[in-house]
């Protein structure tokens, strides 16, 4: 297992469901830039990075393409290393074939 220092994130992209004051404050305390748009019913609308939030579509599309592979979507592999290798294989094929 790698130490926790290898998993430090600089930015977090999420949808409006994660827009809570305590969550945003916790992210900022850890030095993470939140890419979370405010909810429509907020009394005080806060600013957010729209360019960062637009990148969320790329990530969602990637997960959608990987879930097209039945083996990954149904989690047939019970071992973590076998499941990870199936995800790597699917991502490689998707990248090269550009499905």
PDB file of N, CA and C in Angstrom:
ATOM      1  N   UNK A   1       0.841  -1.176   0.000  1.00  0.00           N
ATOM      2  CA  UNK A   1       0.000   0.000   0.000  1.00  0.00           C
ATOM      3  C   UNK A   1       0.891   1.245   0.000  1.00  0.00           C
ATOM      4  N   UNK A   2       0.514   2.225  -0.805  1.00  0.00           N
ATOM      5  CA  UNK A   2       1.279   3.462  -0.867  1.00  0.00           C
ATOM      6  C   UNK A   2       0.920   4.378   0.291  1.00  0.00           C
ATOM      7  N   UNK A   3       1.852   5.200   0.728  1.00  0.00           N
ATOM      8  CA  UNK A   3       1.527   6.149   1.790  1.00  0.00           C
ATOM      9  C   UNK A   3       0.481   7.156   1.335  1.00  0.00           C
ATOM     10  N   UNK A   4      -0.202   7.774   2.280  1.00  0.00           N
ATOM     11  CA  UNK A   4      -1.278   8.710   1.971  1.00  0.00           C
ATOM     12  C   UNK A   4      -0.777   9.927   1.203  1.00  0.00           C
ATOM     13  N   UNK A   5       0.507  10.258   1.310  1.00  0.00           N
ATOM     14  CA  UNK A   5       1.040  11.425   0.612  1.00  0.00           C
ATOM     15  C   UNK A   5       0.982  11.260  -0.904  1.00  0.00           C
ATOM     16  N   UNK A   6       0.873  10.028  -1.407  1.00  0.00           N
ATOM     17  CA  UNK A   6       0.797   9.791  -2.840  1.00  0.00           C
ATOM     18  C   UNK A   6      -0.604  10.038  -3.387  1.00  0.00           C
ATOM     19  N   UNK A   7      -1.577  10.228  -2.533  1.00  0.00           N
ATOM     20  CA  UNK A   7      -2.955  10.371  -2.970  1.00  0.00           C
ATOM     21  C   UNK A   7      -3.492  11.776  -2.759  1.00  0.00           C
ATOM     22  N   UNK A   8      -2.640  12.770  -2.686  1.00  0.00           N
ATOM     23  CA  UNK A   8      -3.079  14.149  -2.489  1.00  0.00           C
ATOM     24  C   UNK A   8      -3.670  14.687  -3.784  1.00  0.00           C
ATOM     25  N   UNK A   9      -4.867  15.258  -3.678  1.00  0.00           N
ATOM     26  CA  UNK A   9      -5.542  15.846  -4.833  1.00  0.00           C
ATOM     27  C   UNK A   9      -5.438  17.359  -4.760  1.00  0.00           C
ATOM     28  N   UNK A  10      -5.389  18.003  -5.914  1.00  0.00           N
ATOM     29  CA  UNK A  10      -5.369  19.456  -5.969  1.00  0.00           C
ATOM     30  C   UNK A  10      -6.745  20.028  -6.232  1.00  0.00           C
ATOM     31  N   UNK A  11      -7.596  19.242  -6.908  1.00  0.00           N
ATOM     32  CA  UNK A  11      -8.920  19.709  -7.293  1.00  0.00           C
ATOM     33  C   UNK A  11      -9.925  18.585  -7.113  1.00  0.00           C
ATOM     34  N   UNK A  12     -11.177  18.970  -6.854  1.00  0.00           N
ATOM     35  CA  UNK A  12     -12.261  18.000  -6.763  1.00  0.00           C
ATOM     36  C   UNK A  12     -13.400  18.504  -7.627  1.00  0.00           C
ATOM     37  N   UNK A  13     -13.846  17.670  -8.555  1.00  0.00           N
ATOM     38  CA  UNK A  13     -14.970  18.016  -9.419  1.00  0.00           C
ATOM     39  C   UNK A  13     -16.157  17.173  -8.980  1.00  0.00           C
ATOM     40  N   UNK A  14     -17.270  17.826  -8.663  1.00  0.00           N
ATOM     41  CA  UNK A  14     -18.473  17.120  -8.235  1.00  0.00           C
ATOM     42  C   UNK A  14     -19.703  17.882  -8.712  1.00  0.00           C
ATOM     43  N   UNK A  15     -20.873  17.268  -8.560  1.00  0.00           N
ATOM     44  CA  UNK A  15     -22.092  17.933  -8.993  1.00  0.00           C
ATOM     45  C   UNK A  15     -22.702  18.735  -7.845  1.00  0.00           C
ATOM     46  N   UNK A  16     -23.859  19.305  -8.079  1.00  0.00           N
ATOM     47  CA  UNK A  16     -24.502  20.189  -7.093  1.00  0.00           C
ATOM     48  C   UNK A  16     -24.876  19.468  -5.805  1.00  0.00           C
ATOM     49  N   UNK A  17     -24.997  18.158  -5.842  1.00  0.00           N
ATOM     50  CA  UNK A  17     -25.353  17.406  -4.644  1.00  0.00           C
ATOM     51  C   UNK A  17     -24.316  17.500  -3.542  1.00  0.00           C
ATOM     52  N   UNK A  18     -23.105  17.836  -3.888  1.00  0.00           N
ATOM     53  CA  UNK A  18     -22.023  17.963  -2.902  1.00  0.00           C
ATOM     54  C   UNK A  18     -21.834  19.393  -2.428  1.00  0.00           C
ATOM     55  N   UNK A  19     -22.757  20.264  -2.752  1.00  0.00           N
ATOM     56  CA  UNK A  19     -22.643  21.681  -2.402  1.00  0.00           C
ATOM     57  C   UNK A  19     -23.159  21.930  -0.985  1.00  0.00           C
ATOM     58  N   UNK A  20     -22.307  21.695  -0.015  1.00  0.00           N
ATOM     59  CA  UNK A  20     -22.618  22.029   1.374  1.00  0.00           C
ATOM     60  C   UNK A  20     -21.472  22.865   1.924  1.00  0.00           C
ATOM     61  N   UNK A  21     -21.806  23.764   2.837  1.00  0.00           N
ATOM     62  CA  UNK A  21     -20.795  24.678   3.372  1.00  0.00           C
ATOM     63  C   UNK A  21     -19.677  23.932   4.093  1.00  0.00           C
ATOM     64  N   UNK A  22     -20.036  22.917   4.891  1.00  0.00           N
ATOM     65  CA  UNK A  22     -19.017  22.209   5.663  1.00  0.00           C
ATOM     66  C   UNK A  22     -18.085  21.419   4.743  1.00  0.00           C
ATOM     67  N   UNK A  23     -18.611  20.866   3.640  1.00  0.00           N
ATOM     68  CA  UNK A  23     -17.788  20.095   2.717  1.00  0.00           C
ATOM     69  C   UNK A  23     -16.824  21.002   1.956  1.00  0.00           C
ATOM     70  N   UNK A  24     -17.320  22.153   1.496  1.00  0.00           N
ATOM     71  CA  UNK A  24     -16.476  23.117   0.786  1.00  0.00           C
ATOM     72  C   UNK A  24     -15.372  23.636   1.710  1.00  0.00           C
ATOM     73  N   UNK A  25     -15.737  23.913   2.970  1.00  0.00           N
ATOM     74  CA  UNK A  25     -14.749  24.406   3.930  1.00  0.00           C
ATOM     75  C   UNK A  25     -13.681  23.350   4.209  1.00  0.00           C
ATOM     76  N   UNK A  26     -14.091  22.089   4.325  1.00  0.00           N
ATOM     77  CA  UNK A  26     -13.124  21.014   4.574  1.00  0.00           C
ATOM     78  C   UNK A  26     -12.166  20.856   3.394  1.00  0.00           C
ATOM     79  N   UNK A  27     -12.688  20.994   2.177  1.00  0.00           N
ATOM     80  CA  UNK A  27     -11.815  20.906   1.008  1.00  0.00           C
ATOM     81  C   UNK A  27     -10.795  22.041   0.993  1.00  0.00           C
ATOM     82  N   UNK A  28     -11.259  23.243   1.265  1.00  0.00           N
ATOM     83  CA  UNK A  28     -10.353  24.391   1.252  1.00  0.00           C
ATOM     84  C   UNK A  28      -9.310  24.307   2.360  1.00  0.00           C
ATOM     85  N   UNK A  29      -9.684  23.745   3.516  1.00  0.00           N
ATOM     86  CA  UNK A  29      -8.717  23.563   4.606  1.00  0.00           C
ATOM     87  C   UNK A  29      -7.595  22.608   4.213  1.00  0.00           C
ATOM     88  N   UNK A  30      -7.900  21.651   3.354  1.00  0.00           N
ATOM     89  CA  UNK A  30      -6.897  20.690   2.910  1.00  0.00           C
ATOM     90  C   UNK A  30      -6.166  21.161   1.659  1.00  0.00           C
ATOM     91  N   UNK A  31      -6.486  22.360   1.165  1.00  0.00           N
ATOM     92  CA  UNK A  31      -5.807  22.905  -0.005  1.00  0.00           C
ATOM     93  C   UNK A  31      -6.325  22.366  -1.323  1.00  0.00           C
ATOM     94  N   UNK A  32      -7.563  21.904  -1.339  1.00  0.00           N
ATOM     95  CA  UNK A  32      -8.168  21.338  -2.540  1.00  0.00           C
ATOM     96  C   UNK A  32      -9.128  22.363  -3.134  1.00  0.00           C
ATOM     97  N   UNK A  33      -9.008  22.603  -4.428  1.00  0.00           N
ATOM     98  CA  UNK A  33      -9.886  23.538  -5.118  1.00  0.00           C
ATOM     99  C   UNK A  33     -11.197  22.826  -5.463  1.00  0.00           C
ATOM    100  N   UNK A  34     -12.336  23.282  -4.930  1.00  0.00           N
ATOM    101  CA  UNK A  34     -13.602  22.625  -5.261  1.00  0.00           C
ATOM    102  C   UNK A  34     -14.136  23.099  -6.612  1.00  0.00           C
ATOM    103  N   UNK A  35     -14.490  22.163  -7.458  1.00  0.00           N
ATOM    104  CA  UNK A  35     -15.134  22.457  -8.736  1.00  0.00           C
ATOM    105  C   UNK A  35     -16.585  22.061  -8.652  1.00  0.00           C
ATOM    106  N   UNK A  36     -17.290  22.614  -7.673  1.00  0.00           N
ATOM    107  CA  UNK A  36     -18.673  22.249  -7.392  1.00  0.00           C
ATOM    108  C   UNK A  36     -19.549  23.478  -7.609  1.00  0.00           C
ATOM    109  N   UNK A  37     -20.498  23.417  -8.545  1.00  0.00           N
ATOM    110  CA  UNK A  37     -21.377  24.573  -8.739  1.00  0.00           C
ATOM    111  C   UNK A  37     -22.358  24.699  -7.579  1.00  0.00           C
ATOM    112  N   UNK A  38     -22.792  25.923  -7.268  1.00  0.00           N
ATOM    113  CA  UNK A  38     -23.758  26.093  -6.180  1.00  0.00           C
ATOM    114  C   UNK A  38     -25.149  25.646  -6.607  1.00  0.00           C
ATOM    115  N   UNK A  39     -25.941  25.249  -5.629  1.00  0.00           N
ATOM    116  CA  UNK A  39     -27.323  24.883  -5.927  1.00  0.00           C
ATOM    117  C   UNK A  39     -28.122  26.125  -6.300  1.00  0.00           C
ATOM    118  N   UNK A  40     -29.185  25.921  -7.024  1.00  0.00           N
ATOM    119  CA  UNK A  40     -30.005  27.048  -7.487  1.00  0.00           C
ATOM    120  C   UNK A  40     -30.711  27.751  -6.336  1.00  0.00           C
ATOM    121  N   UNK A  41     -31.039  27.014  -5.268  1.00  0.00           N
ATOM    122  CA  UNK A  41     -31.814  27.598  -4.169  1.00  0.00           C
ATOM    123  C   UNK A  41     -30.949  28.197  -3.058  1.00  0.00           C
ATOM    124  N   UNK A  42     -29.657  28.343  -3.287  1.00  0.00           N
ATOM    125  CA  UNK A  42     -28.784  28.980  -2.298  1.00  0.00           C
ATOM    126  C   UNK A  42     -29.120  30.455  -2.185  1.00  0.00           C
ATOM    127  N   UNK A  43     -29.163  30.966  -0.965  1.00  0.00           N
ATOM    128  CA  UNK A  43     -29.457  32.393  -0.796  1.00  0.00           C
ATOM    129  C   UNK A  43     -28.287  33.244  -1.261  1.00  0.00           C
ATOM    130  N   UNK A  44     -27.077  32.816  -0.965  1.00  0.00           N
ATOM    131  CA  UNK A  44     -25.873  33.517  -1.430  1.00  0.00           C
ATOM    132  C   UNK A  44     -25.149  32.588  -2.401  1.00  0.00           C
ATOM    133  N   UNK A  45     -25.158  32.947  -3.675  1.00  0.00           N
ATOM    134  CA  UNK A  45     -24.494  32.132  -4.689  1.00  0.00           C
ATOM    135  C   UNK A  45     -22.986  32.359  -4.608  1.00  0.00           C
ATOM    136  N   UNK A  46     -22.236  31.286  -4.444  1.00  0.00           N
ATOM    137  CA  UNK A  46     -20.786  31.415  -4.387  1.00  0.00           C
ATOM    138  C   UNK A  46     -20.204  31.188  -5.770  1.00  0.00           C
ATOM    139  N   UNK A  47     -18.982  31.650  -5.950  1.00  0.00           N
ATOM    140  CA  UNK A  47     -18.305  31.513  -7.232  1.00  0.00           C
ATOM    141  C   UNK A  47     -17.639  30.143  -7.315  1.00  0.00           C
ATOM    142  N   UNK A  48     -17.500  29.636  -8.535  1.00  0.00           N
ATOM    143  CA  UNK A  48     -16.804  28.370  -8.767  1.00  0.00           C
ATOM    144  C   UNK A  48     -16.131  28.430 -10.129  1.00  0.00           C
ATOM    145  N   UNK A  49     -15.193  27.538 -10.353  1.00  0.00           N
ATOM    146  CA  UNK A  49     -14.424  27.505 -11.587  1.00  0.00           C
ATOM    147  C   UNK A  49     -15.214  26.736 -12.649  1.00  0.00           C
ATOM    148  N   UNK A  50     -15.807  27.456 -13.599  1.00  0.00           N
ATOM    149  CA  UNK A  50     -16.638  26.819 -14.621  1.00  0.00           C
ATOM    150  C   UNK A  50     -15.808  25.976 -15.585  1.00  0.00           C
ATOM    151  N   UNK A  51     -14.593  26.394 -15.850  1.00  0.00           N
ATOM    152  CA  UNK A  51     -13.721  25.625 -16.738  1.00  0.00           C
ATOM    153  C   UNK A  51     -13.396  24.272 -16.126  1.00  0.00           C
ATOM    154  N   UNK A  52     -13.120  24.268 -14.841  1.00  0.00           N
ATOM    155  CA  UNK A  52     -12.837  23.011 -14.137  1.00  0.00           C
ATOM    156  C   UNK A  52     -14.061  22.109 -14.132  1.00  0.00           C
ATOM    157  N   UNK A  53     -15.241  22.685 -13.920  1.00  0.00           N
ATOM    158  CA  UNK A  53     -16.460  21.876 -13.861  1.00  0.00           C
ATOM    159  C   UNK A  53     -16.798  21.271 -15.222  1.00  0.00           C
ATOM    160  N   UNK A  54     -16.462  21.945 -16.311  1.00  0.00           N
ATOM    161  CA  UNK A  54     -16.741  21.410 -17.643  1.00  0.00           C
ATOM    162  C   UNK A  54     -15.939  20.140 -17.921  1.00  0.00           C
ATOM    163  N   UNK A  55     -14.838  19.940 -17.234  1.00  0.00           N
ATOM    164  CA  UNK A  55     -14.026  18.741 -17.422  1.00  0.00           C
ATOM    165  C   UNK A  55     -14.698  17.506 -16.830  1.00  0.00           C
ATOM    166  N   UNK A  56     -15.725  17.702 -16.026  1.00  0.00           N
ATOM    167  CA  UNK A  56     -16.443  16.590 -15.417  1.00  0.00           C
ATOM    168  C   UNK A  56     -17.076  15.695 -16.474  1.00  0.00           C
ATOM    169  N   UNK A  57     -17.500  16.289 -17.587  1.00  0.00           N
ATOM    170  CA  UNK A  57     -18.116  15.519 -18.669  1.00  0.00           C
ATOM    171  C   UNK A  57     -17.161  14.460 -19.211  1.00  0.00           C
ATOM    172  N   UNK A  58     -15.893  14.796 -19.336  1.00  0.00           N
ATOM    173  CA  UNK A  58     -14.896  13.855 -19.839  1.00  0.00           C
ATOM    174  C   UNK A  58     -14.785  12.647 -18.920  1.00  0.00           C
ATOM    175  N   UNK A  59     -14.784  12.894 -17.641  1.00  0.00           N
ATOM    176  CA  UNK A  59     -14.670  11.806 -16.666  1.00  0.00           C
ATOM    177  C   UNK A  59     -15.927  10.940 -16.675  1.00  0.00           C
ATOM    178  N   UNK A  60     -17.104  11.577 -16.708  1.00  0.00           N
ATOM    179  CA  UNK A  60     -18.362  10.829 -16.744  1.00  0.00           C
ATOM    180  C   UNK A  60     -18.455   9.967 -18.002  1.00  0.00           C
ATOM    181  N   UNK A  61     -18.007  10.491 -19.139  1.00  0.00           N
ATOM    182  CA  UNK A  61     -18.030   9.734 -20.391  1.00  0.00           C
ATOM    183  C   UNK A  61     -17.113   8.520 -20.315  1.00  0.00           C
ATOM    184  N   UNK A  62     -15.936   8.709 -19.692  1.00  0.00           N
ATOM    185  CA  UNK A  62     -14.997   7.603 -19.555  1.00  0.00           C
ATOM    186  C   UNK A  62     -15.595   6.477 -18.710  1.00  0.00           C
ATOM    187  N   UNK A  63     -16.229   6.833 -17.591  1.00  0.00           N
ATOM    188  CA  UNK A  63     -16.860   5.806 -16.764  1.00  0.00           C
ATOM    189  C   UNK A  63     -18.005   5.125 -17.504  1.00  0.00           C
ATOM    190  N   UNK A  64     -18.755   5.879 -18.291  1.00  0.00           N
ATOM    191  CA  UNK A  64     -19.842   5.286 -19.073  1.00  0.00           C
ATOM    192  C   UNK A  64     -19.334   4.286 -20.093  1.00  0.00           C
ATOM    193  N   UNK A  65     -18.217   4.608 -20.755  1.00  0.00           N
ATOM    194  CA  UNK A  65     -17.657   3.679 -21.735  1.00  0.00           C
ATOM    195  C   UNK A  65     -17.097   2.430 -21.073  1.00  0.00           C
ATOM    196  N   UNK A  66     -16.472   2.595 -19.924  1.00  0.00           N
ATOM    197  CA  UNK A  66     -15.926   1.421 -19.236  1.00  0.00           C
ATOM    198  C   UNK A  66     -17.058   0.522 -18.740  1.00  0.00           C
ATOM    199  N   UNK A  67     -18.178   1.107 -18.315  1.00  0.00           N
ATOM    200  CA  UNK A  67     -19.306   0.300 -17.829  1.00  0.00           C
ATOM    201  C   UNK A  67     -20.030  -0.428 -18.947  1.00  0.00           C
ATOM    202  N   UNK A  68     -19.726  -0.102 -20.208  1.00  0.00           N
ATOM    203  CA  UNK A  68     -20.289  -0.868 -21.317  1.00  0.00           C
ATOM    204  C   UNK A  68     -19.718  -2.277 -21.355  1.00  0.00           C
ATOM    205  N   UNK A  69     -18.588  -2.476 -20.738  1.00  0.00           N
ATOM    206  CA  UNK A  69     -17.989  -3.796 -20.662  1.00  0.00           C
ATOM    207  C   UNK A  69     -18.676  -4.564 -19.534  1.00  0.00           C
ATOM    208  N   UNK A  70     -19.388  -5.602 -19.866  1.00  0.00           N
ATOM    209  CA  UNK A  70     -20.194  -6.326 -18.890  1.00  0.00           C
ATOM    210  C   UNK A  70     -19.354  -6.886 -17.742  1.00  0.00           C
ATOM    211  N   UNK A  71     -18.172  -7.351 -18.051  1.00  0.00           N
ATOM    212  CA  UNK A  71     -17.308  -7.934 -17.022  1.00  0.00           C
ATOM    213  C   UNK A  71     -17.007  -6.924 -15.920  1.00  0.00           C
ATOM    214  N   UNK A  72     -16.821  -5.662 -16.302  1.00  0.00           N
ATOM    215  CA  UNK A  72     -16.502  -4.627 -15.324  1.00  0.00           C
ATOM    216  C   UNK A  72     -17.754  -4.144 -14.619  1.00  0.00           C
ATOM    217  N   UNK A  73     -18.835  -3.937 -15.378  1.00  0.00           N
ATOM    218  CA  UNK A  73     -20.070  -3.430 -14.780  1.00  0.00           C
ATOM    219  C   UNK A  73     -20.650  -4.406 -13.757  1.00  0.00           C
ATOM    220  N   UNK A  74     -20.546  -5.701 -14.017  1.00  0.00           N
ATOM    221  CA  UNK A  74     -21.108  -6.702 -13.109  1.00  0.00           C
ATOM    222  C   UNK A  74     -20.115  -7.179 -12.057  1.00  0.00           C
ATOM    223  N   UNK A  75     -18.880  -6.725 -12.145  1.00  0.00           N
ATOM    224  CA  UNK A  75     -17.815  -7.075 -11.194  1.00  0.00           C
ATOM    225  C   UNK A  75     -17.679  -8.593 -11.032  1.00  0.00           C
ATOM    226  N   UNK A  76     -17.425  -9.269 -12.168  1.00  0.00           N
ATOM    227  CA  UNK A  76     -17.254 -10.713 -12.134  1.00  0.00           C
ATOM    228  C   UNK A  76     -15.980 -11.116 -11.410  1.00  0.00           C
ATOM    229  N   UNK A  77     -14.960 -10.269 -11.464  1.00  0.00           N
ATOM    230  CA  UNK A  77     -13.689 -10.588 -10.815  1.00  0.00           C
ATOM    231  C   UNK A  77     -13.771 -10.215  -9.344  1.00  0.00           C
ATOM    232  N   UNK A  78     -13.491 -11.157  -8.485  1.00  0.00           N
ATOM    233  CA  UNK A  78     -13.579 -10.894  -7.049  1.00  0.00           C
ATOM    234  C   UNK A  78     -12.256 -10.404  -6.467  1.00  0.00           C
ATOM    235  N   UNK A  79     -11.161 -10.692  -7.132  1.00  0.00           N
ATOM    236  CA  UNK A  79      -9.860 -10.209  -6.671  1.00  0.00           C
ATOM    237  C   UNK A  79      -9.639  -8.788  -7.180  1.00  0.00           C
ATOM    238  N   UNK A  80      -9.128  -7.927  -6.326  1.00  0.00           N
ATOM    239  CA  UNK A  80      -8.933  -6.523  -6.692  1.00  0.00           C
ATOM    240  C   UNK A  80      -7.925  -6.371  -7.821  1.00  0.00           C
ATOM    241  N   UNK A  81      -6.851  -7.153  -7.804  1.00  0.00           N
ATOM    242  CA  UNK A  81      -5.843  -7.009  -8.850  1.00  0.00           C
ATOM    243  C   UNK A  81      -6.362  -7.487 -10.205  1.00  0.00           C
ATOM    244  N   UNK A  82      -7.217  -8.496 -10.225  1.00  0.00           N
ATOM    245  CA  UNK A  82      -7.805  -8.956 -11.480  1.00  0.00           C
ATOM    246  C   UNK A  82      -8.803  -7.942 -12.020  1.00  0.00           C
ATOM    247  N   UNK A  83      -9.579  -7.344 -11.126  1.00  0.00           N
ATOM    248  CA  UNK A  83     -10.539  -6.311 -11.526  1.00  0.00           C
ATOM    249  C   UNK A  83      -9.821  -5.089 -12.089  1.00  0.00           C
ATOM    250  N   UNK A  84      -8.729  -4.679 -11.443  1.00  0.00           N
ATOM    251  CA  UNK A  84      -7.948  -3.546 -11.933  1.00  0.00           C
ATOM    252  C   UNK A  84      -7.347  -3.847 -13.299  1.00  0.00           C
ATOM    253  N   UNK A  85      -6.876  -5.062 -13.500  1.00  0.00           N
ATOM    254  CA  UNK A  85      -6.305  -5.406 -14.807  1.00  0.00           C
ATOM    255  C   UNK A  85      -7.381  -5.411 -15.887  1.00  0.00           C
ATOM    256  N   UNK A  86      -8.615  -5.800 -15.558  1.00  0.00           N
ATOM    257  CA  UNK A  86      -9.719  -5.751 -16.523  1.00  0.00           C
ATOM    258  C   UNK A  86     -10.052  -4.304 -16.877  1.00  0.00           C
ATOM    259  N   UNK A  87     -10.025  -3.408 -15.893  1.00  0.00           N
ATOM    260  CA  UNK A  87     -10.275  -1.987 -16.154  1.00  0.00           C
ATOM    261  C   UNK A  87      -9.174  -1.416 -17.040  1.00  0.00           C
ATOM    262  N   UNK A  88      -7.932  -1.774 -16.776  1.00  0.00           N
ATOM    263  CA  UNK A  88      -6.810  -1.286 -17.598  1.00  0.00           C
ATOM    264  C   UNK A  88      -6.924  -1.791 -19.034  1.00  0.00           C
ATOM    265  N   UNK A  89      -7.318  -3.040 -19.184  1.00  0.00           N
ATOM    266  CA  UNK A  89      -7.487  -3.598 -20.526  1.00  0.00           C
ATOM    267  C   UNK A  89      -8.613  -2.877 -21.268  1.00  0.00           C
ATOM    268  N   UNK A  90      -9.733  -2.652 -20.591  1.00  0.00           N
ATOM    269  CA  UNK A  90     -10.860  -1.962 -21.224  1.00  0.00           C
ATOM    270  C   UNK A  90     -10.482  -0.536 -21.589  1.00  0.00           C
ATOM    271  N   UNK A  91      -9.787   0.159 -20.707  1.00  0.00           N
ATOM    272  CA  UNK A  91      -9.382   1.546 -20.984  1.00  0.00           C
ATOM    273  C   UNK A  91      -8.415   1.604 -22.166  1.00  0.00           C
ATOM    274  N   UNK A  92      -7.525   0.623 -22.271  1.00  0.00           N
ATOM    275  CA  UNK A  92      -6.580   0.576 -23.385  1.00  0.00           C
ATOM    276  C   UNK A  92      -7.302   0.352 -24.697  1.00  0.00           C
ATOM    277  N   UNK A  93      -8.228  -0.571 -24.710  1.00  0.00           N
ATOM    278  CA  UNK A  93      -8.976  -0.849 -25.945  1.00  0.00           C
ATOM    279  C   UNK A  93      -9.829   0.347 -26.334  1.00  0.00           C
ATOM    280  N   UNK A  94     -10.482   0.980 -25.371  1.00  0.00           N
ATOM    281  CA  UNK A  94     -11.300   2.158 -25.644  1.00  0.00           C
ATOM    282  C   UNK A  94     -10.424   3.299 -26.188  1.00  0.00           C
ATOM    283  N   UNK A  95      -9.252   3.474 -25.616  1.00  0.00           N
ATOM    284  CA  UNK A  95      -8.358   4.540 -26.062  1.00  0.00           C
ATOM    285  C   UNK A  95      -7.893   4.318 -27.497  1.00  0.00           C
ATOM    286  N   UNK A  96      -7.506   3.092 -27.821  1.00  0.00           N
ATOM    287  CA  UNK A  96      -6.970   2.832 -29.147  1.00  0.00           C
ATOM    288  C   UNK A  96      -8.061   2.713 -30.211  1.00  0.00           C
ATOM    289  N   UNK A  97      -9.222   2.214 -29.859  1.00  0.00           N
ATOM    290  CA  UNK A  97     -10.300   2.095 -30.839  1.00  0.00           C
ATOM    291  C   UNK A  97     -11.150   3.352 -30.918  1.00  0.00           C
ATOM    292  N   UNK A  98     -11.069   4.183 -29.877  1.00  0.00           N
ATOM    293  CA  UNK A  98     -11.859   5.420 -29.805  1.00  0.00           C
ATOM    294  C   UNK A  98     -13.326   5.148 -30.079  1.00  0.00           C
ATOM    295  N   UNK A  99     -13.883   4.250 -29.268  1.00  0.00           N
ATOM    296  CA  UNK A  99     -15.297   3.868 -29.407  1.00  0.00           C
ATOM    297  C   UNK A  99     -16.197   5.051 -29.221  1.00  0.00           C
TER     298      UNK A  99
END
